[in-house]
PDB file of N, CA and C in Angstrom:
ATOM      1  N   MET A   1       4.371 -36.280   9.536  1.00  0.00           N
ATOM      2  CA  MET A   1       5.200 -36.141  10.701  1.00  0.00           C
ATOM      3  C   MET A   1       4.314 -36.066  11.931  1.00  0.00           C
ATOM      4  N   ASN A   2       4.555 -36.932  12.892  1.00  0.00           N
ATOM      5  CA  ASN A   2       3.771 -36.943  14.119  1.00  0.00           C
ATOM      6  C   ASN A   2       4.571 -36.318  15.243  1.00  0.00           C
ATOM      7  N   ALA A   3       3.981 -35.346  15.901  1.00  0.00           N
ATOM      8  CA  ALA A   3       4.635 -34.686  17.028  1.00  0.00           C
ATOM      9  C   ALA A   3       4.337 -35.465  18.298  1.00  0.00           C
ATOM     10  N   LYS A   4       5.349 -35.617  19.124  1.00  0.00           N
ATOM     11  CA  LYS A   4       5.160 -36.282  20.401  1.00  0.00           C
ATOM     12  C   LYS A   4       4.584 -35.275  21.388  1.00  0.00           C
ATOM     13  N   ILE A   5       3.472 -35.623  21.979  1.00  0.00           N
ATOM     14  CA  ILE A   5       2.839 -34.750  22.957  1.00  0.00           C
ATOM     15  C   ILE A   5       3.125 -35.317  24.339  1.00  0.00           C
ATOM     16  N   THR A   6       3.667 -34.488  25.195  1.00  0.00           N
ATOM     17  CA  THR A   6       4.004 -34.942  26.541  1.00  0.00           C
ATOM     18  C   THR A   6       3.566 -33.919  27.567  1.00  0.00           C
ATOM     19  N   THR A   7       3.201 -34.395  28.735  1.00  0.00           N
ATOM     20  CA  THR A   7       2.875 -33.498  29.835  1.00  0.00           C
ATOM     21  C   THR A   7       4.007 -33.493  30.852  1.00  0.00           C
ATOM     22  N   ASP A   8       5.024 -34.290  30.632  1.00  0.00           N
ATOM     23  CA  ASP A   8       6.173 -34.389  31.530  1.00  0.00           C
ATOM     24  C   ASP A   8       7.215 -33.346  31.115  1.00  0.00           C
ATOM     25  N   THR A   9       7.105 -32.140  31.682  1.00  0.00           N
ATOM     26  CA  THR A   9       8.043 -31.075  31.359  1.00  0.00           C
ATOM     27  C   THR A   9       8.738 -30.618  32.626  1.00  0.00           C
ATOM     28  N   GLN A  10       9.777 -29.844  32.473  1.00  0.00           N
ATOM     29  CA  GLN A  10      10.480 -29.287  33.621  1.00  0.00           C
ATOM     30  C   GLN A  10      10.050 -27.836  33.868  1.00  0.00           C
ATOM     31  N   THR A  11       9.030 -27.391  33.166  1.00  0.00           N
ATOM     32  CA  THR A  11       8.531 -26.023  33.320  1.00  0.00           C
ATOM     33  C   THR A  11       7.750 -25.894  34.619  1.00  0.00           C
ATOM     34  N   ASP A  12       8.036 -24.860  35.370  1.00  0.00           N
ATOM     35  CA  ASP A  12       7.315 -24.578  36.605  1.00  0.00           C
ATOM     36  C   ASP A  12       6.097 -23.721  36.256  1.00  0.00           C
ATOM     37  N   TRP A  13       5.014 -24.379  35.840  1.00  0.00           N
ATOM     38  CA  TRP A  13       3.824 -23.681  35.365  1.00  0.00           C
ATOM     39  C   TRP A  13       3.185 -22.851  36.463  1.00  0.00           C
ATOM     40  N   ALA A  14       3.210 -23.334  37.699  1.00  0.00           N
ATOM     41  CA  ALA A  14       2.608 -22.578  38.815  1.00  0.00           C
ATOM     42  C   ALA A  14       3.346 -21.251  39.012  1.00  0.00           C
ATOM     43  N   ARG A  15       4.671 -21.285  38.953  1.00  0.00           N
ATOM     44  CA  ARG A  15       5.451 -20.050  39.110  1.00  0.00           C
ATOM     45  C   ARG A  15       5.153 -19.096  37.962  1.00  0.00           C
ATOM     46  N   LEU A  16       5.082 -19.626  36.746  1.00  0.00           N
ATOM     47  CA  LEU A  16       4.800 -18.772  35.593  1.00  0.00           C
ATOM     48  C   LEU A  16       3.414 -18.147  35.678  1.00  0.00           C
ATOM     49  N   SER A  17       2.447 -18.877  36.169  1.00  0.00           N
ATOM     50  CA  SER A  17       1.085 -18.334  36.249  1.00  0.00           C
ATOM     51  C   SER A  17       0.984 -17.208  37.276  1.00  0.00           C
ATOM     52  N   ARG A  18       1.914 -17.160  38.241  1.00  0.00           N
ATOM     53  CA  ARG A  18       1.914 -16.085  39.235  1.00  0.00           C
ATOM     54  C   ARG A  18       2.625 -14.827  38.737  1.00  0.00           C
ATOM     55  N   ARG A  19       3.348 -14.911  37.653  1.00  0.00           N
ATOM     56  CA  ARG A  19       4.091 -13.756  37.147  1.00  0.00           C
ATOM     57  C   ARG A  19       3.141 -12.731  36.539  1.00  0.00           C
ATOM     58  N   ASP A  20       3.527 -11.487  36.669  1.00  0.00           N
ATOM     59  CA  ASP A  20       2.770 -10.395  36.082  1.00  0.00           C
ATOM     60  C   ASP A  20       3.197 -10.232  34.618  1.00  0.00           C
ATOM     61  N   ASP A  21       2.283  -9.842  33.765  1.00  0.00           N
ATOM     62  CA  ASP A  21       2.601  -9.649  32.351  1.00  0.00           C
ATOM     63  C   ASP A  21       3.724  -8.642  32.134  1.00  0.00           C
ATOM     64  N   SER A  22       3.876  -7.704  33.053  1.00  0.00           N
ATOM     65  CA  SER A  22       4.929  -6.692  32.895  1.00  0.00           C
ATOM     66  C   SER A  22       6.334  -7.296  33.002  1.00  0.00           C
ATOM     67  N   GLU A  23       6.431  -8.523  33.497  1.00  0.00           N
ATOM     68  CA  GLU A  23       7.726  -9.187  33.632  1.00  0.00           C
ATOM     69  C   GLU A  23       8.151  -9.913  32.351  1.00  0.00           C
ATOM     70  N   ILE A  24       7.300  -9.956  31.358  1.00  0.00           N
ATOM     71  CA  ILE A  24       7.611 -10.668  30.122  1.00  0.00           C
ATOM     72  C   ILE A  24       8.582  -9.839  29.285  1.00  0.00           C
ATOM     73  N   ASP A  25       9.629 -10.490  28.822  1.00  0.00           N
ATOM     74  CA  ASP A  25      10.645  -9.833  27.993  1.00  0.00           C
ATOM     75  C   ASP A  25      10.264 -10.022  26.522  1.00  0.00           C
ATOM     76  N   TYR A  26       9.843  -8.945  25.888  1.00  0.00           N
ATOM     77  CA  TYR A  26       9.449  -8.992  24.478  1.00  0.00           C
ATOM     78  C   TYR A  26      10.548  -8.447  23.559  1.00  0.00           C
ATOM     79  N   SER A  27      11.751  -8.295  24.062  1.00  0.00           N
ATOM     80  CA  SER A  27      12.801  -7.618  23.301  1.00  0.00           C
ATOM     81  C   SER A  27      13.141  -8.324  21.986  1.00  0.00           C
ATOM     82  N   ASP A  28      12.921  -9.634  21.902  1.00  0.00           N
ATOM     83  CA  ASP A  28      13.247 -10.331  20.663  1.00  0.00           C
ATOM     84  C   ASP A  28      12.011 -10.593  19.786  1.00  0.00           C
ATOM     85  N   ALA A  29      10.859 -10.062  20.191  1.00  0.00           N
ATOM     86  CA  ALA A  29       9.624 -10.273  19.433  1.00  0.00           C
ATOM     87  C   ALA A  29       9.458  -9.170  18.386  1.00  0.00           C
ATOM     88  N   PRO A  30       8.985  -9.528  17.194  1.00  0.00           N
ATOM     89  CA  PRO A  30       8.753  -8.487  16.185  1.00  0.00           C
ATOM     90  C   PRO A  30       7.595  -7.593  16.616  1.00  0.00           C
ATOM     91  N   PRO A  31       7.587  -6.338  16.172  1.00  0.00           N
ATOM     92  CA  PRO A  31       6.501  -5.439  16.565  1.00  0.00           C
ATOM     93  C   PRO A  31       5.167  -5.902  15.970  1.00  0.00           C
ATOM     94  N   MET A  32       4.120  -5.736  16.742  1.00  0.00           N
ATOM     95  CA  MET A  32       2.778  -6.093  16.283  1.00  0.00           C
ATOM     96  C   MET A  32       2.022  -4.821  15.974  1.00  0.00           C
ATOM     97  N   PRO A  33       1.228  -4.818  14.912  1.00  0.00           N
ATOM     98  CA  PRO A  33       0.405  -3.636  14.639  1.00  0.00           C
ATOM     99  C   PRO A  33      -0.652  -3.489  15.735  1.00  0.00           C
ATOM    100  N   LEU A  34      -1.053  -2.264  16.005  1.00  0.00           N
ATOM    101  CA  LEU A  34      -2.069  -2.044  17.024  1.00  0.00           C
ATOM    102  C   LEU A  34      -3.410  -2.625  16.593  1.00  0.00           C
ATOM    103  N   GLU A  35      -3.670  -2.597  15.295  1.00  0.00           N
ATOM    104  CA  GLU A  35      -4.913  -3.170  14.780  1.00  0.00           C
ATOM    105  C   GLU A  35      -4.597  -4.035  13.576  1.00  0.00           C
ATOM    106  N   LEU A  36      -5.284  -5.145  13.467  1.00  0.00           N
ATOM    107  CA  LEU A  36      -5.149  -5.974  12.282  1.00  0.00           C
ATOM    108  C   LEU A  36      -6.072  -5.419  11.206  1.00  0.00           C
ATOM    109  N   PRO A  37      -5.698  -5.585   9.952  1.00  0.00           N
ATOM    110  CA  PRO A  37      -6.590  -5.107   8.896  1.00  0.00           C
ATOM    111  C   PRO A  37      -7.898  -5.890   8.934  1.00  0.00           C
ATOM    112  N   PRO A  38      -8.988  -5.284   8.470  1.00  0.00           N
ATOM    113  CA  PRO A  38     -10.261  -6.013   8.475  1.00  0.00           C
ATOM    114  C   PRO A  38     -10.167  -7.240   7.572  1.00  0.00           C
ATOM    115  N   LEU A  39     -10.780  -8.307   8.010  1.00  0.00           N
ATOM    116  CA  LEU A  39     -10.752  -9.543   7.228  1.00  0.00           C
ATOM    117  C   LEU A  39     -11.946  -9.579   6.292  1.00  0.00           C
ATOM    118  N   ARG A  40     -11.690  -9.981   5.067  1.00  0.00           N
ATOM    119  CA  ARG A  40     -12.763 -10.162   4.097  1.00  0.00           C
ATOM    120  C   ARG A  40     -13.177 -11.632   4.140  1.00  0.00           C
ATOM    121  N   VAL A  41     -14.453 -11.857   4.236  1.00  0.00           N
ATOM    122  CA  VAL A  41     -14.957 -13.224   4.332  1.00  0.00           C
ATOM    123  C   VAL A  41     -15.541 -13.618   2.985  1.00  0.00           C
ATOM    124  N   ARG A  42     -15.228 -14.810   2.557  1.00  0.00           N
ATOM    125  CA  ARG A  42     -15.773 -15.314   1.312  1.00  0.00           C
ATOM    126  C   ARG A  42     -16.160 -16.774   1.490  1.00  0.00           C
ATOM    127  N   GLN A  43     -17.032 -17.239   0.645  1.00  0.00           N
ATOM    128  CA  GLN A  43     -17.433 -18.641   0.668  1.00  0.00           C
ATOM    129  C   GLN A  43     -16.333 -19.471   0.019  1.00  0.00           C
ATOM    130  N   ALA A  44     -15.953 -20.559   0.672  1.00  0.00           N
ATOM    131  CA  ALA A  44     -14.902 -21.419   0.139  1.00  0.00           C
ATOM    132  C   ALA A  44     -15.342 -22.033  -1.191  1.00  0.00           C
ATOM    133  N   GLU A  45     -14.483 -21.939  -2.192  1.00  0.00           N
ATOM    134  CA  GLU A  45     -14.785 -22.512  -3.501  1.00  0.00           C
ATOM    135  C   GLU A  45     -14.176 -23.898  -3.640  1.00  0.00           C
ATOM    136  N   ASN A  46     -12.934 -24.013  -3.251  1.00  0.00           N
ATOM    137  CA  ASN A  46     -12.215 -25.272  -3.430  1.00  0.00           C
ATOM    138  C   ASN A  46     -11.666 -25.761  -2.094  1.00  0.00           C
ATOM    139  N   SER A  47     -12.532 -25.919  -1.111  1.00  0.00           N
ATOM    140  CA  SER A  47     -12.034 -26.351   0.191  1.00  0.00           C
ATOM    141  C   SER A  47     -11.604 -27.809   0.116  1.00  0.00           C
ATOM    142  N   SER A  48     -10.685 -28.162   0.994  1.00  0.00           N
ATOM    143  CA  SER A  48     -10.221 -29.543   1.040  1.00  0.00           C
ATOM    144  C   SER A  48     -10.392 -30.063   2.454  1.00  0.00           C
ATOM    145  N   ASP A  49     -10.190 -31.319   2.603  1.00  0.00           N
ATOM    146  CA  ASP A  49     -10.299 -31.941   3.915  1.00  0.00           C
ATOM    147  C   ASP A  49      -8.950 -32.033   4.609  1.00  0.00           C
ATOM    148  N   THR A  50      -8.004 -31.222   4.174  1.00  0.00           N
ATOM    149  CA  THR A  50      -6.699 -31.202   4.812  1.00  0.00           C
ATOM    150  C   THR A  50      -6.831 -30.621   6.211  1.00  0.00           C
ATOM    151  N   THR A  51      -6.156 -31.216   7.140  1.00  0.00           N
ATOM    152  CA  THR A  51      -6.191 -30.756   8.523  1.00  0.00           C
ATOM    153  C   THR A  51      -4.835 -30.201   8.899  1.00  0.00           C
ATOM    154  N   ILE A  52      -4.831 -29.032   9.556  1.00  0.00           N
ATOM    155  CA  ILE A  52      -3.595 -28.478  10.089  1.00  0.00           C
ATOM    156  C   ILE A  52      -3.767 -28.298  11.589  1.00  0.00           C
ATOM    157  N   THR A  53      -2.671 -28.339  12.297  1.00  0.00           N
ATOM    158  CA  THR A  53      -2.704 -28.146  13.736  1.00  0.00           C
ATOM    159  C   THR A  53      -2.275 -26.725  14.051  1.00  0.00           C
ATOM    160  N   LEU A  54      -3.134 -26.014  14.765  1.00  0.00           N
ATOM    161  CA  LEU A  54      -2.843 -24.651  15.187  1.00  0.00           C
ATOM    162  C   LEU A  54      -2.751 -24.628  16.701  1.00  0.00           C
ATOM    163  N   ASP A  55      -1.924 -23.745  17.211  1.00  0.00           N
ATOM    164  CA  ASP A  55      -1.796 -23.613  18.658  1.00  0.00           C
ATOM    165  C   ASP A  55      -3.126 -23.175  19.261  1.00  0.00           C
ATOM    166  N   ALA A  56      -3.381 -23.646  20.474  1.00  0.00           N
ATOM    167  CA  ALA A  56      -4.653 -23.371  21.146  1.00  0.00           C
ATOM    168  C   ALA A  56      -4.903 -21.877  21.328  1.00  0.00           C
ATOM    169  N   ASP A  57      -3.840 -21.107  21.601  1.00  0.00           N
ATOM    170  CA  ASP A  57      -4.042 -19.671  21.810  1.00  0.00           C
ATOM    171  C   ASP A  57      -4.441 -18.968  20.518  1.00  0.00           C
ATOM    172  N   ILE A  58      -3.972 -19.472  19.382  1.00  0.00           N
ATOM    173  CA  ILE A  58      -4.351 -18.896  18.081  1.00  0.00           C
ATOM    174  C   ILE A  58      -5.840 -19.140  17.830  1.00  0.00           C
ATOM    175  N   ILE A  59      -6.271 -20.372  18.020  1.00  0.00           N
ATOM    176  CA  ILE A  59      -7.687 -20.708  17.830  1.00  0.00           C
ATOM    177  C   ILE A  59      -8.560 -19.896  18.785  1.00  0.00           C
ATOM    178  N   ALA A  60      -8.138 -19.798  20.038  1.00  0.00           N
ATOM    179  CA  ALA A  60      -8.929 -19.055  21.026  1.00  0.00           C
ATOM    180  C   ALA A  60      -9.085 -17.594  20.622  1.00  0.00           C
ATOM    181  N   TRP A  61      -8.004 -16.986  20.124  1.00  0.00           N
ATOM    182  CA  TRP A  61      -8.079 -15.574  19.719  1.00  0.00           C
ATOM    183  C   TRP A  61      -9.055 -15.404  18.564  1.00  0.00           C
ATOM    184  N   PHE A  62      -8.941 -16.255  17.543  1.00  0.00           N
ATOM    185  CA  PHE A  62      -9.843 -16.124  16.396  1.00  0.00           C
ATOM    186  C   PHE A  62     -11.290 -16.391  16.798  1.00  0.00           C
ATOM    187  N   LYS A  63     -11.524 -17.375  17.657  1.00  0.00           N
ATOM    188  CA  LYS A  63     -12.892 -17.654  18.101  1.00  0.00           C
ATOM    189  C   LYS A  63     -13.471 -16.470  18.874  1.00  0.00           C
ATOM    190  N   ALA A  64     -12.613 -15.793  19.650  1.00  0.00           N
ATOM    191  CA  ALA A  64     -13.087 -14.659  20.452  1.00  0.00           C
ATOM    192  C   ALA A  64     -13.365 -13.427  19.598  1.00  0.00           C
ATOM    193  N   HIS A  65     -12.709 -13.315  18.426  1.00  0.00           N
ATOM    194  CA  HIS A  65     -12.820 -12.098  17.625  1.00  0.00           C
ATOM    195  C   HIS A  65     -13.610 -12.258  16.322  1.00  0.00           C
ATOM    196  N   HIS A  66     -13.890 -13.488  15.920  1.00  0.00           N
ATOM    197  CA  HIS A  66     -14.564 -13.707  14.635  1.00  0.00           C
ATOM    198  C   HIS A  66     -15.580 -14.834  14.774  1.00  0.00           C
ATOM    199  N   SER A  67     -16.815 -14.577  14.379  1.00  0.00           N
ATOM    200  CA  SER A  67     -17.854 -15.597  14.511  1.00  0.00           C
ATOM    201  C   SER A  67     -17.557 -16.824  13.645  1.00  0.00           C
ATOM    202  N   ASN A  68     -16.990 -16.608  12.469  1.00  0.00           N
ATOM    203  CA  ASN A  68     -16.593 -17.749  11.633  1.00  0.00           C
ATOM    204  C   ASN A  68     -15.066 -17.752  11.558  1.00  0.00           C
ATOM    205  N   TYR A  69     -14.462 -18.289  12.615  1.00  0.00           N
ATOM    206  CA  TYR A  69     -13.011 -18.200  12.758  1.00  0.00           C
ATOM    207  C   TYR A  69     -12.251 -18.943  11.658  1.00  0.00           C
ATOM    208  N   GLN A  70     -12.801 -20.036  11.135  1.00  0.00           N
ATOM    209  CA  GLN A  70     -12.091 -20.778  10.087  1.00  0.00           C
ATOM    210  C   GLN A  70     -11.969 -19.944   8.814  1.00  0.00           C
ATOM    211  N   GLU A  71     -13.037 -19.278   8.422  1.00  0.00           N
ATOM    212  CA  GLU A  71     -12.966 -18.415   7.242  1.00  0.00           C
ATOM    213  C   GLU A  71     -12.011 -17.252   7.484  1.00  0.00           C
ATOM    214  N   SER A  72     -12.003 -16.726   8.704  1.00  0.00           N
ATOM    215  CA  SER A  72     -11.108 -15.618   9.031  1.00  0.00           C
ATOM    216  C   SER A  72      -9.649 -16.040   8.941  1.00  0.00           C
ATOM    217  N   ILE A  73      -9.341 -17.222   9.432  1.00  0.00           N
ATOM    218  CA  ILE A  73      -7.968 -17.736   9.340  1.00  0.00           C
ATOM    219  C   ILE A  73      -7.592 -17.934   7.877  1.00  0.00           C
ATOM    220  N   ASN A  74      -8.482 -18.518   7.098  1.00  0.00           N
ATOM    221  CA  ASN A  74      -8.205 -18.705   5.672  1.00  0.00           C
ATOM    222  C   ASN A  74      -7.947 -17.374   4.974  1.00  0.00           C
ATOM    223  N   GLN A  75      -8.760 -16.358   5.295  1.00  0.00           N
ATOM    224  CA  GLN A  75      -8.588 -15.058   4.644  1.00  0.00           C
ATOM    225  C   GLN A  75      -7.280 -14.404   5.062  1.00  0.00           C
ATOM    226  N   LEU A  76      -6.910 -14.511   6.314  1.00  0.00           N
ATOM    227  CA  LEU A  76      -5.646 -13.954   6.774  1.00  0.00           C
ATOM    228  C   LEU A  76      -4.470 -14.614   6.054  1.00  0.00           C
ATOM    229  N   LEU A  77      -4.524 -15.934   5.910  1.00  0.00           N
ATOM    230  CA  LEU A  77      -3.474 -16.646   5.181  1.00  0.00           C
ATOM    231  C   LEU A  77      -3.454 -16.241   3.701  1.00  0.00           C
ATOM    232  N   ARG A  78      -4.636 -16.101   3.115  1.00  0.00           N
ATOM    233  CA  ARG A  78      -4.733 -15.698   1.713  1.00  0.00           C
ATOM    234  C   ARG A  78      -4.159 -14.289   1.518  1.00  0.00           C
ATOM    235  N   ASP A  79      -4.474 -13.369   2.436  1.00  0.00           N
ATOM    236  CA  ASP A  79      -3.928 -12.007   2.362  1.00  0.00           C
ATOM    237  C   ASP A  79      -2.414 -12.018   2.498  1.00  0.00           C
ATOM    238  N   HIS A  80      -1.900 -12.877   3.375  1.00  0.00           N
ATOM    239  CA  HIS A  80      -0.452 -12.979   3.541  1.00  0.00           C
ATOM    240  C   HIS A  80       0.206 -13.467   2.249  1.00  0.00           C
ATOM    241  N   ILE A  81      -0.391 -14.443   1.607  1.00  0.00           N
ATOM    242  CA  ILE A  81       0.153 -14.957   0.337  1.00  0.00           C
ATOM    243  C   ILE A  81       0.135 -13.870  -0.714  1.00  0.00           C
ATOM    244  N   GLN A  82      -0.971 -13.133  -0.829  1.00  0.00           N
ATOM    245  CA  GLN A  82      -1.053 -12.051  -1.812  1.00  0.00           C
ATOM    246  C   GLN A  82       0.000 -10.980  -1.544  1.00  0.00           C
ATOM    247  N   HIS A  83       0.188 -10.631  -0.281  1.00  0.00           N
ATOM    248  CA  HIS A  83       1.200  -9.649   0.088  1.00  0.00           C
ATOM    249  C   HIS A  83       2.599 -10.164  -0.270  1.00  0.00           C
ATOM    250  N   ASP A  84       2.849 -11.422  -0.012  1.00  0.00           N
ATOM    251  CA  ASP A  84       4.150 -12.016  -0.313  1.00  0.00           C
ATOM    252  C   ASP A  84       4.389 -12.047  -1.824  1.00  0.00           C
ATOM    253  N   LEU A  85       3.364 -12.363  -2.604  1.00  0.00           N
ATOM    254  CA  LEU A  85       3.498 -12.413  -4.060  1.00  0.00           C
ATOM    255  C   LEU A  85       3.738 -11.029  -4.659  1.00  0.00           C
ATOM    256  N   ALA A  86       3.211  -9.998  -3.995  1.00  0.00           N
ATOM    257  CA  ALA A  86       3.339  -8.635  -4.497  1.00  0.00           C
ATOM    258  C   ALA A  86       4.751  -8.054  -4.257  1.00  0.00           C
ATOM    259  N   ARG A  87       5.525  -8.690  -3.411  1.00  0.00           N
ATOM    260  CA  ARG A  87       6.872  -8.176  -3.124  1.00  0.00           C
ATOM    261  C   ARG A  87       7.822  -8.459  -4.249  1.00  0.00           C
TER     262      ARG A  87
END
């Protein structure tokens, strides 16, 4: 599935960039933990060449918080799967 990427939007980005964070309505957002659990890093055993597209803000956060962001993302996904299987 190919996503259409367009820069022609009706969003007023300049107005949004001037808004203060306190104006953001988070009422429909799920609660976030104050701290994420520590990530365990492991060497990939069966890595593949599959490519996934992640939002730029997700990549930026992992790059800012983890020196090997790809392994950190993999471990977070693996922990989520283990948690889901345990339910």
